[in-house]
Amino acid sequence: ALRGDFEAWNKVLPHGYVPGDTFGNLVLGVHLAFAIVITLGG
């Protein structure tokens, strides 16, 4: 994400990043970010 290479997500997450689907990509990004927060927090 920091490199701007969001399509690299699809190497391990099929249909993870979908070009043009801003809302869906945002939901996935927030989901991944909070996965870090919730794992450490737990």
Full PDB file with SEQRES, HELIX, SHEET, SSBOND, CRYST1, ORIGX, SCALE, CONECT and MASTER records, all heavy atoms in Angstrom:
SEQRES   1 A   42  ALA LEU ARG GLY ASP PHE GLU ALA TRP ASN LYS VAL LEU          
SEQRES   2 A   42  PRO HIS GLY TYR VAL PRO GLY ASP THR PHE GLY ASN LEU          
SEQRES   3 A   42  VAL LEU GLY VAL HIS LEU ALA PHE ALA ILE VAL ILE THR          
SEQRES   4 A   42  LEU GLY GLY                                                  
HELIX    1 AA1 PHE A    6  LYS A   11  5                                   6    
HELIX    2 AA2 THR A   22  GLY A   41  1                                  20    
CRYST1    1.000    1.000    1.000  90.00  90.00  90.00 P 1           1          
ORIGX1      1.000000  0.000000  0.000000        0.00000                         
ORIGX2      0.000000  1.000000  0.000000        0.00000                         
ORIGX3      0.000000  0.000000  1.000000        0.00000                         
SCALE1      1.000000  0.000000  0.000000        0.00000                         
SCALE2      0.000000  1.000000  0.000000        0.00000                         
SCALE3      0.000000  0.000000  1.000000        0.00000                         
ATOM      1  N   ALA A   1       0.831  -1.207   0.000  1.00  0.00           N  
ATOM      2  CA  ALA A   1       0.000   0.000   0.000  1.00  0.00           C  
ATOM      3  C   ALA A   1       0.864   1.255   0.000  1.00  0.00           C  
ATOM      4  O   ALA A   1       0.551   2.240  -0.686  1.00  0.00           O  
ATOM      5  CB  ALA A   1      -0.926  -0.009   1.211  1.00  0.00           C  
ATOM      6  N   LEU A   2       1.947   1.247   0.762  1.00  0.00           N  
ATOM      7  CA  LEU A   2       2.838   2.406   0.798  1.00  0.00           C  
ATOM      8  C   LEU A   2       3.497   2.639  -0.551  1.00  0.00           C  
ATOM      9  O   LEU A   2       3.772   3.783  -0.929  1.00  0.00           O  
ATOM     10  CB  LEU A   2       3.908   2.208   1.883  1.00  0.00           C  
ATOM     11  CG  LEU A   2       3.413   2.261   3.331  1.00  0.00           C  
ATOM     12  CD1 LEU A   2       4.550   1.947   4.295  1.00  0.00           C  
ATOM     13  CD2 LEU A   2       2.802   3.622   3.647  1.00  0.00           C  
ATOM     14  N   ARG A   3       3.755   1.573  -1.304  1.00  0.00           N  
ATOM     15  CA  ARG A   3       4.330   1.712  -2.645  1.00  0.00           C  
ATOM     16  C   ARG A   3       3.271   2.102  -3.678  1.00  0.00           C  
ATOM     17  O   ARG A   3       3.607   2.448  -4.805  1.00  0.00           O  
ATOM     18  CB  ARG A   3       4.973   0.389  -3.099  1.00  0.00           C  
ATOM     19  CG  ARG A   3       6.173  -0.045  -2.292  1.00  0.00           C  
ATOM     20  CD  ARG A   3       6.934  -1.129  -3.061  1.00  0.00           C  
ATOM     21  NE  ARG A   3       6.053  -2.193  -3.528  1.00  0.00           N  
ATOM     22  CZ  ARG A   3       5.851  -3.342  -2.896  1.00  0.00           C  
ATOM     23  NH1 ARG A   3       6.472  -3.571  -1.732  1.00  0.00           N  
ATOM     24  NH2 ARG A   3       5.049  -4.264  -3.397  1.00  0.00           N  
ATOM     25  N   GLY A   4       2.003   2.004  -3.291  1.00  0.00           N  
ATOM     26  CA  GLY A   4       0.931   2.252  -4.245  1.00  0.00           C  
ATOM     27  C   GLY A   4       0.652   1.063  -5.139  1.00  0.00           C  
ATOM     28  O   GLY A   4      -0.107   1.167  -6.106  1.00  0.00           O  
ATOM     29  N   ASP A   5       1.230  -0.076  -4.800  1.00  0.00           N  
ATOM     30  CA  ASP A   5       1.075  -1.292  -5.605  1.00  0.00           C  
ATOM     31  C   ASP A   5      -0.032  -2.155  -5.005  1.00  0.00           C  
ATOM     32  O   ASP A   5       0.211  -3.267  -4.511  1.00  0.00           O  
ATOM     33  CB  ASP A   5       2.403  -2.043  -5.654  1.00  0.00           C  
ATOM     34  CG  ASP A   5       2.352  -3.265  -6.565  1.00  0.00           C  
ATOM     35  OD1 ASP A   5       1.407  -3.340  -7.387  1.00  0.00           O  
ATOM     36  OD2 ASP A   5       3.234  -4.132  -6.443  1.00  0.00           O  
ATOM     37  N   PHE A   6      -1.254  -1.666  -5.067  1.00  0.00           N  
ATOM     38  CA  PHE A   6      -2.362  -2.386  -4.445  1.00  0.00           C  
ATOM     39  C   PHE A   6      -2.684  -3.693  -5.168  1.00  0.00           C  
ATOM     40  O   PHE A   6      -3.229  -4.614  -4.564  1.00  0.00           O  
ATOM     41  CB  PHE A   6      -3.610  -1.493  -4.400  1.00  0.00           C  
ATOM     42  CG  PHE A   6      -3.469  -0.309  -3.497  1.00  0.00           C  
ATOM     43  CD1 PHE A   6      -3.139   0.934  -4.009  1.00  0.00           C  
ATOM     44  CD2 PHE A   6      -3.651  -0.440  -2.137  1.00  0.00           C  
ATOM     45  CE1 PHE A   6      -3.008   2.033  -3.173  1.00  0.00           C  
ATOM     46  CE2 PHE A   6      -3.524   0.646  -1.282  1.00  0.00           C  
ATOM     47  CZ  PHE A   6      -3.191   1.886  -1.809  1.00  0.00           C  
ATOM     48  N   GLU A   7      -2.348  -3.771  -6.438  1.00  0.00           N  
ATOM     49  CA  GLU A   7      -2.634  -4.999  -7.172  1.00  0.00           C  
ATOM     50  C   GLU A   7      -1.791  -6.164  -6.674  1.00  0.00           C  
ATOM     51  O   GLU A   7      -2.128  -7.328  -6.947  1.00  0.00           O  
ATOM     52  CB  GLU A   7      -2.397  -4.772  -8.661  1.00  0.00           C  
ATOM     53  CG  GLU A   7      -3.410  -3.823  -9.287  1.00  0.00           C  
ATOM     54  CD  GLU A   7      -3.263  -3.743 -10.790  1.00  0.00           C  
ATOM     55  OE1 GLU A   7      -2.344  -4.396 -11.330  1.00  0.00           O  
ATOM     56  OE2 GLU A   7      -4.076  -3.033 -11.433  1.00  0.00           O  
ATOM     57  N   ALA A   8      -0.711  -5.881  -5.937  1.00  0.00           N  
ATOM     58  CA  ALA A   8       0.096  -6.956  -5.362  1.00  0.00           C  
ATOM     59  C   ALA A   8      -0.703  -7.758  -4.343  1.00  0.00           C  
ATOM     60  O   ALA A   8      -0.384  -8.934  -4.075  1.00  0.00           O  
ATOM     61  CB  ALA A   8       1.355  -6.379  -4.709  1.00  0.00           C  
ATOM     62  N   TRP A   9      -1.747  -7.152  -3.769  1.00  0.00           N  
ATOM     63  CA  TRP A   9      -2.585  -7.872  -2.810  1.00  0.00           C  
ATOM     64  C   TRP A   9      -3.191  -9.118  -3.435  1.00  0.00           C  
ATOM     65  O   TRP A   9      -3.418 -10.124  -2.749  1.00  0.00           O  
ATOM     66  CB  TRP A   9      -3.706  -6.971  -2.302  1.00  0.00           C  
ATOM     67  CG  TRP A   9      -3.242  -5.829  -1.453  1.00  0.00           C  
ATOM     68  CD1 TRP A   9      -1.948  -5.516  -1.118  1.00  0.00           C  
ATOM     69  CD2 TRP A   9      -4.063  -4.831  -0.839  1.00  0.00           C  
ATOM     70  NE1 TRP A   9      -1.920  -4.394  -0.337  1.00  0.00           N  
ATOM     71  CE2 TRP A   9      -3.196  -3.951  -0.142  1.00  0.00           C  
ATOM     72  CE3 TRP A   9      -5.423  -4.596  -0.815  1.00  0.00           C  
ATOM     73  CZ2 TRP A   9      -3.671  -2.857   0.580  1.00  0.00           C  
ATOM     74  CZ3 TRP A   9      -5.898  -3.511  -0.099  1.00  0.00           C  
ATOM     75  CH2 TRP A   9      -5.034  -2.642   0.598  1.00  0.00           C  
ATOM     76  N   ASN A  10      -3.456  -9.075  -4.731  1.00  0.00           N  
ATOM     77  CA  ASN A  10      -4.119 -10.191  -5.399  1.00  0.00           C  
ATOM     78  C   ASN A  10      -3.231 -11.422  -5.539  1.00  0.00           C  
ATOM     79  O   ASN A  10      -3.723 -12.487  -5.930  1.00  0.00           O  
ATOM     80  CB  ASN A  10      -4.607  -9.755  -6.780  1.00  0.00           C  
ATOM     81  CG  ASN A  10      -5.683  -8.685  -6.696  1.00  0.00           C  
ATOM     82  OD1 ASN A  10      -6.427  -8.616  -5.719  1.00  0.00           O  
ATOM     83  ND2 ASN A  10      -5.764  -7.837  -7.708  1.00  0.00           N  
ATOM     84  N   LYS A  11      -1.947 -11.286  -5.225  1.00  0.00           N  
ATOM     85  CA  LYS A  11      -1.069 -12.455  -5.272  1.00  0.00           C  
ATOM     86  C   LYS A  11      -1.457 -13.484  -4.215  1.00  0.00           C  
ATOM     87  O   LYS A  11      -1.262 -14.685  -4.413  1.00  0.00           O  
ATOM     88  CB  LYS A  11       0.381 -12.033  -5.064  1.00  0.00           C  
ATOM     89  CG  LYS A  11       0.943 -11.165  -6.178  1.00  0.00           C  
ATOM     90  CD  LYS A  11       2.381 -10.769  -5.889  1.00  0.00           C  
ATOM     91  CE  LYS A  11       2.950  -9.875  -6.995  1.00  0.00           C  
ATOM     92  NZ  LYS A  11       4.345  -9.461  -6.697  1.00  0.00           N  
ATOM     93  N   VAL A  12      -1.974 -13.008  -3.091  1.00  0.00           N  
ATOM     94  CA  VAL A  12      -2.358 -13.931  -2.013  1.00  0.00           C  
ATOM     95  C   VAL A  12      -3.833 -13.810  -1.646  1.00  0.00           C  
ATOM     96  O   VAL A  12      -4.358 -14.643  -0.922  1.00  0.00           O  
ATOM     97  CB  VAL A  12      -1.493 -13.678  -0.753  1.00  0.00           C  
ATOM     98  CG1 VAL A  12      -0.043 -14.000  -1.023  1.00  0.00           C  
ATOM     99  CG2 VAL A  12      -1.638 -12.247  -0.268  1.00  0.00           C  
ATOM    100  N   LEU A  13      -4.498 -12.775  -2.147  1.00  0.00           N  
ATOM    101  CA  LEU A  13      -5.911 -12.553  -1.833  1.00  0.00           C  
ATOM    102  C   LEU A  13      -6.677 -12.371  -3.139  1.00  0.00           C  
ATOM    103  O   LEU A  13      -6.749 -11.255  -3.668  1.00  0.00           O  
ATOM    104  CB  LEU A  13      -6.083 -11.316  -0.937  1.00  0.00           C  
ATOM    105  CG  LEU A  13      -7.468 -11.062  -0.363  1.00  0.00           C  
ATOM    106  CD1 LEU A  13      -7.870 -12.198   0.573  1.00  0.00           C  
ATOM    107  CD2 LEU A  13      -7.495  -9.729   0.385  1.00  0.00           C  
ATOM    108  N   PRO A  14      -7.212 -13.461  -3.694  1.00  0.00           N  
ATOM    109  CA  PRO A  14      -7.922 -13.353  -4.981  1.00  0.00           C  
ATOM    110  C   PRO A  14      -9.052 -12.332  -4.914  1.00  0.00           C  
ATOM    111  O   PRO A  14      -9.818 -12.295  -3.953  1.00  0.00           O  
ATOM    112  CB  PRO A  14      -8.463 -14.772  -5.196  1.00  0.00           C  
ATOM    113  CG  PRO A  14      -7.556 -15.652  -4.385  1.00  0.00           C  
ATOM    114  CD  PRO A  14      -7.173 -14.835  -3.193  1.00  0.00           C  
ATOM    115  N   HIS A  15      -9.123 -11.490  -5.933  1.00  0.00           N  
ATOM    116  CA  HIS A  15     -10.143 -10.445  -6.020  1.00  0.00           C  
ATOM    117  C   HIS A  15     -10.047  -9.473  -4.837  1.00  0.00           C  
ATOM    118  O   HIS A  15     -11.039  -8.865  -4.441  1.00  0.00           O  
ATOM    119  CB  HIS A  15     -11.556 -11.041  -6.077  1.00  0.00           C  
ATOM    120  CG  HIS A  15     -11.712 -12.144  -7.072  1.00  0.00           C  
ATOM    121  ND1 HIS A  15     -11.703 -11.943  -8.434  1.00  0.00           N  
ATOM    122  CD2 HIS A  15     -11.856 -13.499  -6.901  1.00  0.00           C  
ATOM    123  CE1 HIS A  15     -11.844 -13.095  -9.058  1.00  0.00           C  
ATOM    124  NE2 HIS A  15     -11.932 -14.051  -8.157  1.00  0.00           N  
ATOM    125  N   GLY A  16      -8.834  -9.347  -4.277  1.00  0.00           N  
ATOM    126  CA  GLY A  16      -8.658  -8.435  -3.153  1.00  0.00           C  
ATOM    127  C   GLY A  16      -8.764  -6.989  -3.586  1.00  0.00           C  
ATOM    128  O   GLY A  16      -9.608  -6.235  -3.092  1.00  0.00           O  
ATOM    129  N   TYR A  17      -7.924  -6.599  -4.532  1.00  0.00           N  
ATOM    130  CA  TYR A  17      -7.968  -5.237  -5.058  1.00  0.00           C  
ATOM    131  C   TYR A  17      -8.634  -5.273  -6.420  1.00  0.00           C  
ATOM    132  O   TYR A  17      -8.209  -5.986  -7.330  1.00  0.00           O  
ATOM    133  CB  TYR A  17      -6.567  -4.652  -5.164  1.00  0.00           C  
ATOM    134  CG  TYR A  17      -6.539  -3.292  -5.810  1.00  0.00           C  
ATOM    135  CD1 TYR A  17      -6.895  -2.164  -5.091  1.00  0.00           C  
ATOM    136  CD2 TYR A  17      -6.166  -3.145  -7.146  1.00  0.00           C  
ATOM    137  CE1 TYR A  17      -6.883  -0.908  -5.683  1.00  0.00           C  
ATOM    138  CE2 TYR A  17      -6.154  -1.894  -7.756  1.00  0.00           C  
ATOM    139  CZ  TYR A  17      -6.515  -0.774  -7.012  1.00  0.00           C  
ATOM    140  OH  TYR A  17      -6.510   0.457  -7.608  1.00  0.00           O  
ATOM    141  N   VAL A  18      -9.691  -4.477  -6.568  1.00  0.00           N  
ATOM    142  CA  VAL A  18     -10.431  -4.410  -7.823  1.00  0.00           C  
ATOM    143  C   VAL A  18     -10.322  -2.990  -8.359  1.00  0.00           C  
ATOM    144  O   VAL A  18     -10.848  -2.053  -7.739  1.00  0.00           O  
ATOM    145  CB  VAL A  18     -11.911  -4.797  -7.631  1.00  0.00           C  
ATOM    146  CG1 VAL A  18     -12.669  -4.686  -8.952  1.00  0.00           C  
ATOM    147  CG2 VAL A  18     -12.028  -6.198  -7.052  1.00  0.00           C  
ATOM    148  N   PRO A  19      -9.627  -2.774  -9.488  1.00  0.00           N  
ATOM    149  CA  PRO A  19      -9.511  -1.421 -10.052  1.00  0.00           C  
ATOM    150  C   PRO A  19     -10.874  -0.796 -10.311  1.00  0.00           C  
ATOM    151  O   PRO A  19     -11.768  -1.430 -10.869  1.00  0.00           O  
ATOM    152  CB  PRO A  19      -8.747  -1.658 -11.369  1.00  0.00           C  
ATOM    153  CG  PRO A  19      -7.994  -2.934 -11.146  1.00  0.00           C  
ATOM    154  CD  PRO A  19      -8.885  -3.779 -10.281  1.00  0.00           C  
ATOM    155  N   GLY A  20     -11.025   0.430  -9.851  1.00  0.00           N  
ATOM    156  CA  GLY A  20     -12.280   1.147 -10.053  1.00  0.00           C  
ATOM    157  C   GLY A  20     -13.281   0.991  -8.928  1.00  0.00           C  
ATOM    158  O   GLY A  20     -14.217   1.794  -8.814  1.00  0.00           O  
ATOM    159  N   ASP A  21     -13.106  -0.011  -8.087  1.00  0.00           N  
ATOM    160  CA  ASP A  21     -14.043  -0.241  -6.973  1.00  0.00           C  
ATOM    161  C   ASP A  21     -13.496   0.457  -5.731  1.00  0.00           C  
ATOM    162  O   ASP A  21     -12.948  -0.173  -4.832  1.00  0.00           O  
ATOM    163  CB  ASP A  21     -14.215  -1.739  -6.738  1.00  0.00           C  
ATOM    164  CG  ASP A  21     -15.266  -2.037  -5.671  1.00  0.00           C  
ATOM    165  OD1 ASP A  21     -15.970  -1.095  -5.244  1.00  0.00           O  
ATOM    166  OD2 ASP A  21     -15.360  -3.212  -5.247  1.00  0.00           O  
ATOM    167  N   THR A  22     -13.654   1.773  -5.703  1.00  0.00           N  
ATOM    168  CA  THR A  22     -13.066   2.561  -4.614  1.00  0.00           C  
ATOM    169  C   THR A  22     -13.626   2.158  -3.260  1.00  0.00           C  
ATOM    170  O   THR A  22     -12.873   1.982  -2.290  1.00  0.00           O  
ATOM    171  CB  THR A  22     -13.312   4.059  -4.850  1.00  0.00           C  
ATOM    172  OG1 THR A  22     -12.787   4.428  -6.132  1.00  0.00           O  
ATOM    173  CG2 THR A  22     -12.641   4.889  -3.767  1.00  0.00           C  
ATOM    174  N   PHE A  23     -14.946   2.008  -3.189  1.00  0.00           N  
ATOM    175  CA  PHE A  23     -15.565   1.677  -1.895  1.00  0.00           C  
ATOM    176  C   PHE A  23     -15.119   0.297  -1.410  1.00  0.00           C  
ATOM    177  O   PHE A  23     -14.728   0.129  -0.251  1.00  0.00           O  
ATOM    178  CB  PHE A  23     -17.090   1.719  -2.025  1.00  0.00           C  
ATOM    179  CG  PHE A  23     -17.809   1.287  -0.770  1.00  0.00           C  
ATOM    180  CD1 PHE A  23     -17.861   2.115   0.339  1.00  0.00           C  
ATOM    181  CD2 PHE A  23     -18.427   0.035  -0.698  1.00  0.00           C  
ATOM    182  CE1 PHE A  23     -18.505   1.715   1.499  1.00  0.00           C  
ATOM    183  CE2 PHE A  23     -19.078  -0.372   0.449  1.00  0.00           C  
ATOM    184  CZ  PHE A  23     -19.123   0.465   1.549  1.00  0.00           C  
ATOM    185  N   GLY A  24     -15.164  -0.686  -2.290  1.00  0.00           N  
ATOM    186  CA  GLY A  24     -14.770  -2.036  -1.898  1.00  0.00           C  
ATOM    187  C   GLY A  24     -13.313  -2.109  -1.503  1.00  0.00           C  
ATOM    188  O   GLY A  24     -12.949  -2.789  -0.530  1.00  0.00           O  
ATOM    189  N   ASN A  25     -12.438  -1.400  -2.221  1.00  0.00           N  
ATOM    190  CA  ASN A  25     -11.019  -1.388  -1.890  1.00  0.00           C  
ATOM    191  C   ASN A  25     -10.777  -0.708  -0.547  1.00  0.00           C  
ATOM    192  O   ASN A  25      -9.909  -1.120   0.225  1.00  0.00           O  
ATOM    193  CB  ASN A  25     -10.228  -0.679  -2.988  1.00  0.00           C  
ATOM    194  CG  ASN A  25     -10.262  -1.434  -4.304  1.00  0.00           C  
ATOM    195  OD1 ASN A  25     -10.381  -2.657  -4.329  1.00  0.00           O  
ATOM    196  ND2 ASN A  25     -10.173  -0.710  -5.415  1.00  0.00           N  
ATOM    197  N   LEU A  26     -11.552   0.352  -0.289  1.00  0.00           N  
ATOM    198  CA  LEU A  26     -11.425   1.049   0.987  1.00  0.00           C  
ATOM    199  C   LEU A  26     -11.854   0.152   2.145  1.00  0.00           C  
ATOM    200  O   LEU A  26     -11.196   0.108   3.189  1.00  0.00           O  
ATOM    201  CB  LEU A  26     -12.271   2.325   0.967  1.00  0.00           C  
ATOM    202  CG  LEU A  26     -12.254   3.159   2.260  1.00  0.00           C  
ATOM    203  CD1 LEU A  26     -10.846   3.652   2.559  1.00  0.00           C  
ATOM    204  CD2 LEU A  26     -13.219   4.340   2.144  1.00  0.00           C  
ATOM    205  N   VAL A  27     -12.955  -0.587   1.954  1.00  0.00           N  
ATOM    206  CA  VAL A  27     -13.425  -1.510   2.994  1.00  0.00           C  
ATOM    207  C   VAL A  27     -12.361  -2.568   3.278  1.00  0.00           C  
ATOM    208  O   VAL A  27     -12.074  -2.882   4.444  1.00  0.00           O  
ATOM    209  CB  VAL A  27     -14.745  -2.178   2.564  1.00  0.00           C  
ATOM    210  CG1 VAL A  27     -15.110  -3.309   3.527  1.00  0.00           C  
ATOM    211  CG2 VAL A  27     -15.862  -1.148   2.526  1.00  0.00           C  
ATOM    212  N   LEU A  28     -11.752  -3.096   2.223  1.00  0.00           N  
ATOM    213  CA  LEU A  28     -10.711  -4.101   2.412  1.00  0.00           C  
ATOM    214  C   LEU A  28      -9.506  -3.512   3.128  1.00  0.00           C  
ATOM    215  O   LEU A  28      -8.949  -4.139   4.034  1.00  0.00           O  
ATOM    216  CB  LEU A  28     -10.294  -4.668   1.059  1.00  0.00           C  
ATOM    217  CG  LEU A  28      -9.130  -5.669   1.093  1.00  0.00           C  
ATOM    218  CD1 LEU A  28      -9.466  -6.867   1.966  1.00  0.00           C  
ATOM    219  CD2 LEU A  28      -8.766  -6.115  -0.325  1.00  0.00           C  
ATOM    220  N   GLY A  29      -9.091  -2.309   2.737  1.00  0.00           N  
ATOM    221  CA  GLY A  29      -7.944  -1.676   3.384  1.00  0.00           C  
ATOM    222  C   GLY A  29      -8.183  -1.432   4.865  1.00  0.00           C  
ATOM    223  O   GLY A  29      -7.305  -1.691   5.699  1.00  0.00           O  
ATOM    224  N   VAL A  30      -9.376  -0.939   5.192  1.00  0.00           N  
ATOM    225  CA  VAL A  30      -9.711  -0.720   6.610  1.00  0.00           C  
ATOM    226  C   VAL A  30      -9.754  -2.046   7.349  1.00  0.00           C  
ATOM    227  O   VAL A  30      -9.295  -2.156   8.498  1.00  0.00           O  
ATOM    228  CB  VAL A  30     -11.064   0.023   6.713  1.00  0.00           C  
ATOM    229  CG1 VAL A  30     -11.537   0.068   8.167  1.00  0.00           C  
ATOM    230  CG2 VAL A  30     -10.940   1.435   6.149  1.00  0.00           C  
ATOM    231  N   HIS A  31     -10.289  -3.062   6.705  1.00  0.00           N  
ATOM    232  CA  HIS A  31     -10.372  -4.395   7.310  1.00  0.00           C  
ATOM    233  C   HIS A  31      -8.975  -4.911   7.652  1.00  0.00           C  
ATOM    234  O   HIS A  31      -8.742  -5.430   8.751  1.00  0.00           O  
ATOM    235  CB  HIS A  31     -11.075  -5.339   6.334  1.00  0.00           C  
ATOM    236  CG  HIS A  31     -11.379  -6.688   6.900  1.00  0.00           C  
ATOM    237  ND1 HIS A  31     -12.485  -6.940   7.681  1.00  0.00           N  
ATOM    238  CD2 HIS A  31     -10.708  -7.865   6.806  1.00  0.00           C  
ATOM    239  CE1 HIS A  31     -12.492  -8.206   8.040  1.00  0.00           C  
ATOM    240  NE2 HIS A  31     -11.422  -8.796   7.522  1.00  0.00           N  
ATOM    241  N   LEU A  32      -8.031  -4.761   6.734  1.00  0.00           N  
ATOM    242  CA  LEU A  32      -6.671  -5.234   6.974  1.00  0.00           C  
ATOM    243  C   LEU A  32      -5.979  -4.412   8.059  1.00  0.00           C  
ATOM    244  O   LEU A  32      -5.257  -4.961   8.909  1.00  0.00           O  
ATOM    245  CB  LEU A  32      -5.870  -5.164   5.672  1.00  0.00           C  
ATOM    246  CG  LEU A  32      -6.290  -6.146   4.571  1.00  0.00           C  
ATOM    247  CD1 LEU A  32      -5.570  -5.813   3.266  1.00  0.00           C  
ATOM    248  CD2 LEU A  32      -6.000  -7.579   4.996  1.00  0.00           C  
ATOM    249  N   ALA A  33      -6.198  -3.099   8.045  1.00  0.00           N  
ATOM    250  CA  ALA A  33      -5.573  -2.244   9.053  1.00  0.00           C  
ATOM    251  C   ALA A  33      -6.068  -2.594  10.450  1.00  0.00           C  
ATOM    252  O   ALA A  33      -5.283  -2.689  11.404  1.00  0.00           O  
ATOM    253  CB  ALA A  33      -5.850  -0.772   8.731  1.00  0.00           C  
ATOM    254  N   PHE A  34      -7.375  -2.792  10.573  1.00  0.00           N  
ATOM    255  CA  PHE A  34      -7.922  -3.106  11.892  1.00  0.00           C  
ATOM    256  C   PHE A  34      -7.629  -4.548  12.297  1.00  0.00           C  
ATOM    257  O   PHE A  34      -7.719  -4.883  13.480  1.00  0.00           O  
ATOM    258  CB  PHE A  34      -9.424  -2.823  11.928  1.00  0.00           C  
ATOM    259  CG  PHE A  34      -9.743  -1.398  12.261  1.00  0.00           C  
ATOM    260  CD1 PHE A  34      -9.868  -0.445  11.254  1.00  0.00           C  
ATOM    261  CD2 PHE A  34      -9.876  -0.991  13.567  1.00  0.00           C  
ATOM    262  CE1 PHE A  34     -10.141   0.871  11.553  1.00  0.00           C  
ATOM    263  CE2 PHE A  34     -10.151   0.320  13.891  1.00  0.00           C  
ATOM    264  CZ  PHE A  34     -10.282   1.263  12.880  1.00  0.00           C  
ATOM    265  N   ALA A  35      -7.270  -5.389  11.332  1.00  0.00           N  
ATOM    266  CA  ALA A  35      -6.818  -6.729  11.693  1.00  0.00           C  
ATOM    267  C   ALA A  35      -5.545  -6.651  12.518  1.00  0.00           C  
ATOM    268  O   ALA A  35      -5.345  -7.425  13.473  1.00  0.00           O  
ATOM    269  CB  ALA A  35      -6.582  -7.563  10.436  1.00  0.00           C  
ATOM    270  N   ILE A  36      -4.684  -5.713  12.188  1.00  0.00           N  
ATOM    271  CA  ILE A  36      -3.469  -5.498  12.974  1.00  0.00           C  
ATOM    272  C   ILE A  36      -3.822  -4.968  14.358  1.00  0.00           C  
ATOM    273  O   ILE A  36      -3.318  -5.441  15.382  1.00  0.00           O  
ATOM    274  CB  ILE A  36      -2.533  -4.514  12.244  1.00  0.00           C  
ATOM    275  CG1 ILE A  36      -2.094  -5.097  10.906  1.00  0.00           C  
ATOM    276  CG2 ILE A  36      -1.322  -4.176  13.104  1.00  0.00           C  
ATOM    277  CD1 ILE A  36      -1.264  -4.150  10.067  1.00  0.00           C  
ATOM    278  N   VAL A  37      -4.710  -3.979  14.389  1.00  0.00           N  
ATOM    279  CA  VAL A  37      -5.094  -3.355  15.659  1.00  0.00           C  
ATOM    280  C   VAL A  37      -5.731  -4.369  16.595  1.00  0.00           C  
ATOM    281  O   VAL A  37      -5.387  -4.458  17.780  1.00  0.00           O  
ATOM    282  CB  VAL A  37      -6.068  -2.180  15.411  1.00  0.00           C  
ATOM    283  CG1 VAL A  37      -6.607  -1.630  16.729  1.00  0.00           C  
ATOM    284  CG2 VAL A  37      -5.373  -1.076  14.618  1.00  0.00           C  
ATOM    285  N   ILE A  38      -6.640  -5.168  16.056  1.00  0.00           N  
ATOM    286  CA  ILE A  38      -7.387  -6.078  16.919  1.00  0.00           C  
ATOM    287  C   ILE A  38      -6.528  -7.253  17.380  1.00  0.00           C  
ATOM    288  O   ILE A  38      -6.696  -7.777  18.490  1.00  0.00           O  
ATOM    289  CB  ILE A  38      -8.669  -6.568  16.203  1.00  0.00           C  
ATOM    290  CG1 ILE A  38      -9.685  -7.080  17.229  1.00  0.00           C  
ATOM    291  CG2 ILE A  38      -8.358  -7.658  15.186  1.00  0.00           C  
ATOM    292  CD1 ILE A  38     -11.047  -7.332  16.646  1.00  0.00           C  
ATOM    293  N   THR A  39      -5.576  -7.674  16.544  1.00  0.00           N  
ATOM    294  CA  THR A  39      -4.709  -8.782  16.941  1.00  0.00           C  
ATOM    295  C   THR A  39      -3.783  -8.360  18.064  1.00  0.00           C  
ATOM    296  O   THR A  39      -3.616  -9.080  19.060  1.00  0.00           O  
ATOM    297  CB  THR A  39      -3.895  -9.282  15.737  1.00  0.00           C  
ATOM    298  OG1 THR A  39      -4.800  -9.657  14.691  1.00  0.00           O  
ATOM    299  CG2 THR A  39      -3.048 -10.481  16.113  1.00  0.00           C  
ATOM    300  N   LEU A  40      -3.167  -7.192  17.924  1.00  0.00           N  
ATOM    301  CA  LEU A  40      -2.304  -6.682  18.993  1.00  0.00           C  
ATOM    302  C   LEU A  40      -3.127  -6.356  20.238  1.00  0.00           C  
ATOM    303  O   LEU A  40      -2.712  -6.656  21.367  1.00  0.00           O  
ATOM    304  CB  LEU A  40      -1.561  -5.436  18.508  1.00  0.00           C  
ATOM    305  CG  LEU A  40      -0.529  -5.649  17.395  1.00  0.00           C  
ATOM    306  CD1 LEU A  40       0.044  -4.311  16.944  1.00  0.00           C  
ATOM    307  CD2 LEU A  40       0.584  -6.568  17.858  1.00  0.00           C  
ATOM    308  N   GLY A  41      -4.284  -5.747  20.032  1.00  0.00           N  
ATOM    309  CA  GLY A  41      -5.125  -5.383  21.166  1.00  0.00           C  
ATOM    310  C   GLY A  41      -5.621  -6.584  21.942  1.00  0.00           C  
ATOM    311  O   GLY A  41      -5.713  -6.542  23.171  1.00  0.00           O  
ATOM    312  N   GLY A  42      -5.938  -7.674  21.238  1.00  0.00           N  
ATOM    313  CA  GLY A  42      -6.406  -8.873  21.923  1.00  0.00           C  
ATOM    314  C   GLY A  42      -5.348  -9.472  22.813  1.00  0.00           C  
ATOM    315  O   GLY A  42      -5.626  -9.897  23.949  1.00  0.00           O  
TER     316      GLY A  42                                                      
MASTER        0    0    0    2    0    0    0    6  315    1    0    4          
END                                                                             
